[in-house]
Amino acid sequence: MIEVNDIVMKFQNFLLSGWEAFEVFNENFLYDEKEEKVNDWLQANWELLVESTLTGVNEYLEVYGYGADCNGASSRVTFPDKLATHRIVCNAHGGHLLRDVVSEEMKSIKNMAFQSFVKWDGSYYQILPPFDYVLLSNDIENILVNVKDVYFDIVRV
């Protein structure tokens, strides 16, 4: 059986190991172009590595982070006309409350939608290594917590 948490953490490891090499191709672009290229690269790899491992035929994950910009209205790279059938979610280890580092409030993390891995510098989060925080969302808010405090699962949307 495929372990969802293991696959998503392997994706984090892939980002860490490939970021420097990817940045070489991105260094000559303007800021807005860089942001688009980063989002396209993240989404393409999310689909090829995570989605293809965790989903079956005619099943698709929600987009990673901001999604891709390369296909106009779609945020997907492959199968741009397909809608998500599954979502990666996060839960707190042991069901405990976790501190959202942005608001500094304790929050219940139960099946919150995983958005992306990010870096937290104490004031802002950025899409940069060491990708040791996760940006999560629900219908009300975004929450930022340390990746070591959560585990990943998959649910139908």
C-alpha atoms as a PDB file:
ATOM      1  CA  MET A   1       0.000   0.000   0.000  1.00  0.00           C
ATOM      2  CA  ILE A   2       1.231   3.474  -0.911  1.00  0.00           C
ATOM      3  CA  GLU A   3       1.810   5.690   2.104  1.00  0.00           C
ATOM      4  CA  VAL A   4       0.547   9.199   1.304  1.00  0.00           C
ATOM      5  CA  ASN A   5       2.699  10.867   3.961  1.00  0.00           C
ATOM      6  CA  ASP A   6       5.811   9.163   2.603  1.00  0.00           C
ATOM      7  CA  ILE A   7       5.124  10.269  -0.983  1.00  0.00           C
ATOM      8  CA  VAL A   8       4.465  13.908  -0.051  1.00  0.00           C
ATOM      9  CA  MET A   9       7.599  13.997   2.112  1.00  0.00           C
ATOM     10  CA  LYS A  10       9.576  12.549  -0.801  1.00  0.00           C
ATOM     11  CA  PHE A  11       8.252  15.449  -2.870  1.00  0.00           C
ATOM     12  CA  GLN A  12       9.617  17.848  -0.236  1.00  0.00           C
ATOM     13  CA  ASN A  13      12.966  16.058  -0.514  1.00  0.00           C
ATOM     14  CA  PHE A  14      12.803  16.349  -4.318  1.00  0.00           C
ATOM     15  CA  LEU A  15      12.248  20.105  -3.997  1.00  0.00           C
ATOM     16  CA  LEU A  16      15.215  20.421  -1.660  1.00  0.00           C
ATOM     17  CA  SER A  17      17.501  18.397  -3.899  1.00  0.00           C
ATOM     18  CA  GLY A  18      16.413  20.027  -7.163  1.00  0.00           C
ATOM     19  CA  TRP A  19      15.926  23.653  -6.191  1.00  0.00           C
ATOM     20  CA  GLU A  20      19.484  24.840  -6.774  1.00  0.00           C
ATOM     21  CA  ALA A  21      19.660  23.170 -10.177  1.00  0.00           C
ATOM     22  CA  PHE A  22      16.286  24.636 -11.172  1.00  0.00           C
ATOM     23  CA  GLU A  23      17.294  28.139 -10.074  1.00  0.00           C
ATOM     24  CA  VAL A  24      20.146  28.120 -12.624  1.00  0.00           C
ATOM     25  CA  PHE A  25      17.513  28.070 -15.379  1.00  0.00           C
ATOM     26  CA  ASN A  26      15.459  30.766 -13.684  1.00  0.00           C
ATOM     27  CA  GLU A  27      18.130  33.337 -12.806  1.00  0.00           C
ATOM     28  CA  ASN A  28      17.876  35.498 -15.953  1.00  0.00           C
ATOM     29  CA  PHE A  29      14.130  36.114 -15.793  1.00  0.00           C
ATOM     30  CA  LEU A  30      12.405  39.174 -14.361  1.00  0.00           C
ATOM     31  CA  TYR A  31      10.646  38.725 -10.987  1.00  0.00           C
ATOM     32  CA  ASP A  32       7.153  38.108 -12.434  1.00  0.00           C
ATOM     33  CA  GLU A  33       8.527  35.684 -15.009  1.00  0.00           C
ATOM     34  CA  LYS A  34      10.502  33.871 -12.287  1.00  0.00           C
ATOM     35  CA  GLU A  35       7.374  33.471 -10.188  1.00  0.00           C
ATOM     36  CA  GLU A  36       5.482  31.979 -13.159  1.00  0.00           C
ATOM     37  CA  LYS A  37       8.338  29.605 -13.971  1.00  0.00           C
ATOM     38  CA  VAL A  38       8.569  28.469 -10.341  1.00  0.00           C
ATOM     39  CA  ASN A  39       4.820  27.828 -10.182  1.00  0.00           C
ATOM     40  CA  ASP A  40       4.877  25.916 -13.489  1.00  0.00           C
ATOM     41  CA  TRP A  41       7.863  23.816 -12.330  1.00  0.00           C
ATOM     42  CA  LEU A  42       6.241  23.029  -8.988  1.00  0.00           C
ATOM     43  CA  GLN A  43       2.901  22.084 -10.548  1.00  0.00           C
ATOM     44  CA  ALA A  44       4.451  19.970 -13.311  1.00  0.00           C
ATOM     45  CA  ASN A  45       6.497  17.998 -10.811  1.00  0.00           C
ATOM     46  CA  TRP A  46       3.533  17.689  -8.417  1.00  0.00           C
ATOM     47  CA  GLU A  47       1.481  16.107 -11.201  1.00  0.00           C
ATOM     48  CA  LEU A  48       4.257  13.851 -12.484  1.00  0.00           C
ATOM     49  CA  LEU A  49       5.612  12.693  -9.130  1.00  0.00           C
ATOM     50  CA  VAL A  50       2.841  12.897  -6.533  1.00  0.00           C
ATOM     51  CA  GLU A  51      -0.422  12.806  -8.458  1.00  0.00           C
ATOM     52  CA  SER A  52       0.650   9.958 -10.735  1.00  0.00           C
ATOM     53  CA  THR A  53       1.717   7.920  -7.700  1.00  0.00           C
ATOM     54  CA  LEU A  54      -1.304   8.532  -5.484  1.00  0.00           C
ATOM     55  CA  THR A  55      -4.226   8.587  -7.903  1.00  0.00           C
ATOM     56  CA  GLY A  56      -5.695   6.175 -10.426  1.00  0.00           C
ATOM     57  CA  VAL A  57      -7.151   6.514 -13.892  1.00  0.00           C
ATOM     58  CA  ASN A  58      -9.335   9.627 -14.242  1.00  0.00           C
ATOM     59  CA  GLU A  59      -8.331  10.847 -10.776  1.00  0.00           C
ATOM     60  CA  TYR A  60      -6.542  14.151 -10.222  1.00  0.00           C
ATOM     61  CA  LEU A  61      -5.169  16.101  -7.277  1.00  0.00           C
ATOM     62  CA  GLU A  62      -5.917  19.703  -6.493  1.00  0.00           C
ATOM     63  CA  VAL A  63      -3.183  22.004  -7.733  1.00  0.00           C
ATOM     64  CA  TYR A  64       0.004  22.538  -5.797  1.00  0.00           C
ATOM     65  CA  GLY A  65       0.485  26.036  -4.411  1.00  0.00           C
ATOM     66  CA  TYR A  66      -0.603  28.598  -6.981  1.00  0.00           C
ATOM     67  CA  GLY A  67      -0.786  26.069  -9.798  1.00  0.00           C
ATOM     68  CA  ALA A  68       0.692  26.555 -13.252  1.00  0.00           C
ATOM     69  CA  ASP A  69       0.237  29.541 -15.546  1.00  0.00           C
ATOM     70  CA  CYS A  70       1.294  27.778 -18.731  1.00  0.00           C
ATOM     71  CA  ASN A  71      -2.202  26.653 -19.804  1.00  0.00           C
ATOM     72  CA  GLY A  72      -4.282  29.808 -19.639  1.00  0.00           C
ATOM     73  CA  ALA A  73      -7.389  29.302 -17.513  1.00  0.00           C
ATOM     74  CA  SER A  74      -6.224  25.928 -16.160  1.00  0.00           C
ATOM     75  CA  SER A  75      -3.803  25.645 -13.283  1.00  0.00           C
ATOM     76  CA  ARG A  76      -2.732  22.191 -14.457  1.00  0.00           C
ATOM     77  CA  VAL A  77       0.180  21.292 -16.736  1.00  0.00           C
ATOM     78  CA  THR A  78      -1.074  17.907 -17.930  1.00  0.00           C
ATOM     79  CA  PHE A  79      -4.755  17.329 -18.677  1.00  0.00           C
ATOM     80  CA  PRO A  80      -5.593  21.047 -18.341  1.00  0.00           C
ATOM     81  CA  ASP A  81      -9.332  20.399 -18.741  1.00  0.00           C
ATOM     82  CA  LYS A  82      -9.574  17.988 -15.787  1.00  0.00           C
ATOM     83  CA  LEU A  83     -10.966  18.909 -12.382  1.00  0.00           C
ATOM     84  CA  ALA A  84      -9.581  17.672  -9.074  1.00  0.00           C
ATOM     85  CA  THR A  85     -11.067  14.504  -7.634  1.00  0.00           C
ATOM     86  CA  HIS A  86      -8.769  14.330  -4.605  1.00  0.00           C
ATOM     87  CA  ARG A  87      -7.078  16.639  -2.122  1.00  0.00           C
ATOM     88  CA  ILE A  88      -3.981  16.234   0.002  1.00  0.00           C
ATOM     89  CA  VAL A  89      -4.807  17.170   3.590  1.00  0.00           C
ATOM     90  CA  CYS A  90      -2.829  17.600   6.784  1.00  0.00           C
ATOM     91  CA  ASN A  91      -3.573  16.499  10.315  1.00  0.00           C
ATOM     92  CA  ALA A  92      -1.689  17.238  13.518  1.00  0.00           C
ATOM     93  CA  HIS A  93       0.256  14.337  14.992  1.00  0.00           C
ATOM     94  CA  GLY A  94      -1.769  13.013  17.901  1.00  0.00           C
ATOM     95  CA  GLY A  95      -4.654  15.358  17.077  1.00  0.00           C
ATOM     96  CA  HIS A  96      -3.043  18.146  19.083  1.00  0.00           C
ATOM     97  CA  LEU A  97      -3.495  21.837  18.536  1.00  0.00           C
ATOM     98  CA  LEU A  98      -0.653  23.480  16.639  1.00  0.00           C
ATOM     99  CA  ARG A  99       0.667  27.032  16.695  1.00  0.00           C
ATOM    100  CA  ASP A 100       0.038  28.964  13.495  1.00  0.00           C
ATOM    101  CA  VAL A 101       3.309  30.882  13.202  1.00  0.00           C
ATOM    102  CA  VAL A 102       1.663  33.819  11.412  1.00  0.00           C
ATOM    103  CA  SER A 103      -1.149  34.554  13.895  1.00  0.00           C
ATOM    104  CA  GLU A 104       0.682  32.864  16.802  1.00  0.00           C
ATOM    105  CA  GLU A 105      -2.657  31.282  17.766  1.00  0.00           C
ATOM    106  CA  MET A 106      -3.222  27.629  18.579  1.00  0.00           C
ATOM    107  CA  LYS A 107      -5.264  25.957  15.838  1.00  0.00           C
ATOM    108  CA  SER A 108      -6.938  22.619  15.312  1.00  0.00           C
ATOM    109  CA  ILE A 109      -5.383  20.968  12.271  1.00  0.00           C
ATOM    110  CA  LYS A 110      -7.804  18.326  11.043  1.00  0.00           C
ATOM    111  CA  ASN A 111      -8.036  17.513   7.332  1.00  0.00           C
ATOM    112  CA  MET A 112      -6.855  20.991   6.348  1.00  0.00           C
ATOM    113  CA  ALA A 113      -6.082  21.352   2.646  1.00  0.00           C
ATOM    114  CA  PHE A 114      -2.354  21.253   1.926  1.00  0.00           C
ATOM    115  CA  GLN A 115      -1.303  24.147  -0.303  1.00  0.00           C
ATOM    116  CA  SER A 116       2.498  23.998  -0.442  1.00  0.00           C
ATOM    117  CA  PHE A 117       5.829  23.685   1.301  1.00  0.00           C
ATOM    118  CA  VAL A 118       7.356  27.042   2.193  1.00  0.00           C
ATOM    119  CA  LYS A 119      10.121  28.731   4.154  1.00  0.00           C
ATOM    120  CA  TRP A 120       9.229  30.867   7.189  1.00  0.00           C
ATOM    121  CA  ASP A 121      11.682  33.622   8.114  1.00  0.00           C
ATOM    122  CA  GLY A 122       9.833  34.801  11.211  1.00  0.00           C
ATOM    123  CA  SER A 123       7.896  37.507   9.364  1.00  0.00           C
ATOM    124  CA  TYR A 124       6.995  36.170   5.924  1.00  0.00           C
ATOM    125  CA  TYR A 125       6.689  32.867   4.147  1.00  0.00           C
ATOM    126  CA  GLN A 126       8.276  32.286   0.765  1.00  0.00           C
ATOM    127  CA  ILE A 127       8.499  29.504  -1.767  1.00  0.00           C
ATOM    128  CA  LEU A 128      12.123  28.733  -0.960  1.00  0.00           C
ATOM    129  CA  PRO A 129      14.205  26.041   0.724  1.00  0.00           C
ATOM    130  CA  PRO A 130      14.320  24.596   3.302  1.00  0.00           C
ATOM    131  CA  PHE A 131      10.569  24.018   2.685  1.00  0.00           C
ATOM    132  CA  ASP A 132      10.177  23.161   6.364  1.00  0.00           C
ATOM    133  CA  TYR A 133       6.731  24.720   6.843  1.00  0.00           C
ATOM    134  CA  VAL A 134       3.392  23.871   5.253  1.00  0.00           C
ATOM    135  CA  LEU A 135       0.775  26.334   4.128  1.00  0.00           C
ATOM    136  CA  LEU A 136      -2.677  24.940   4.890  1.00  0.00           C
ATOM    137  CA  SER A 137      -6.163  26.275   4.246  1.00  0.00           C
ATOM    138  CA  ASN A 138      -9.797  25.730   5.008  1.00  0.00           C
ATOM    139  CA  ASP A 139     -12.909  27.733   4.131  1.00  0.00           C
ATOM    140  CA  ILE A 140     -12.003  30.390   6.692  1.00  0.00           C
ATOM    141  CA  GLU A 141      -8.252  30.893   6.847  1.00  0.00           C
ATOM    142  CA  ASN A 142      -4.708  30.030   5.866  1.00  0.00           C
ATOM    143  CA  ILE A 143      -2.446  28.521   8.510  1.00  0.00           C
ATOM    144  CA  LEU A 144       1.304  28.026   8.545  1.00  0.00           C
ATOM    145  CA  VAL A 145       2.800  25.243  10.679  1.00  0.00           C
ATOM    146  CA  ASN A 146       6.037  23.313  10.861  1.00  0.00           C
ATOM    147  CA  VAL A 147       6.026  20.234   8.635  1.00  0.00           C
ATOM    148  CA  LYS A 148       7.391  18.060  11.457  1.00  0.00           C
ATOM    149  CA  ASP A 149       4.124  18.581  13.359  1.00  0.00           C
ATOM    150  CA  VAL A 150       1.767  17.187  10.687  1.00  0.00           C
ATOM    151  CA  TYR A 151       1.156  14.141   8.542  1.00  0.00           C
ATOM    152  CA  PHE A 152      -0.367  14.014   5.084  1.00  0.00           C
ATOM    153  CA  ASP A 153      -3.388  12.068   3.870  1.00  0.00           C
ATOM    154  CA  ILE A 154      -5.629  12.049   0.804  1.00  0.00           C
ATOM    155  CA  VAL A 155      -9.402  12.594   0.603  1.00  0.00           C
ATOM    156  CA  ARG A 156     -11.978  12.766  -2.191  1.00  0.00           C
ATOM    157  CA  VAL A 157     -13.303  16.232  -3.056  1.00  0.00           C
END
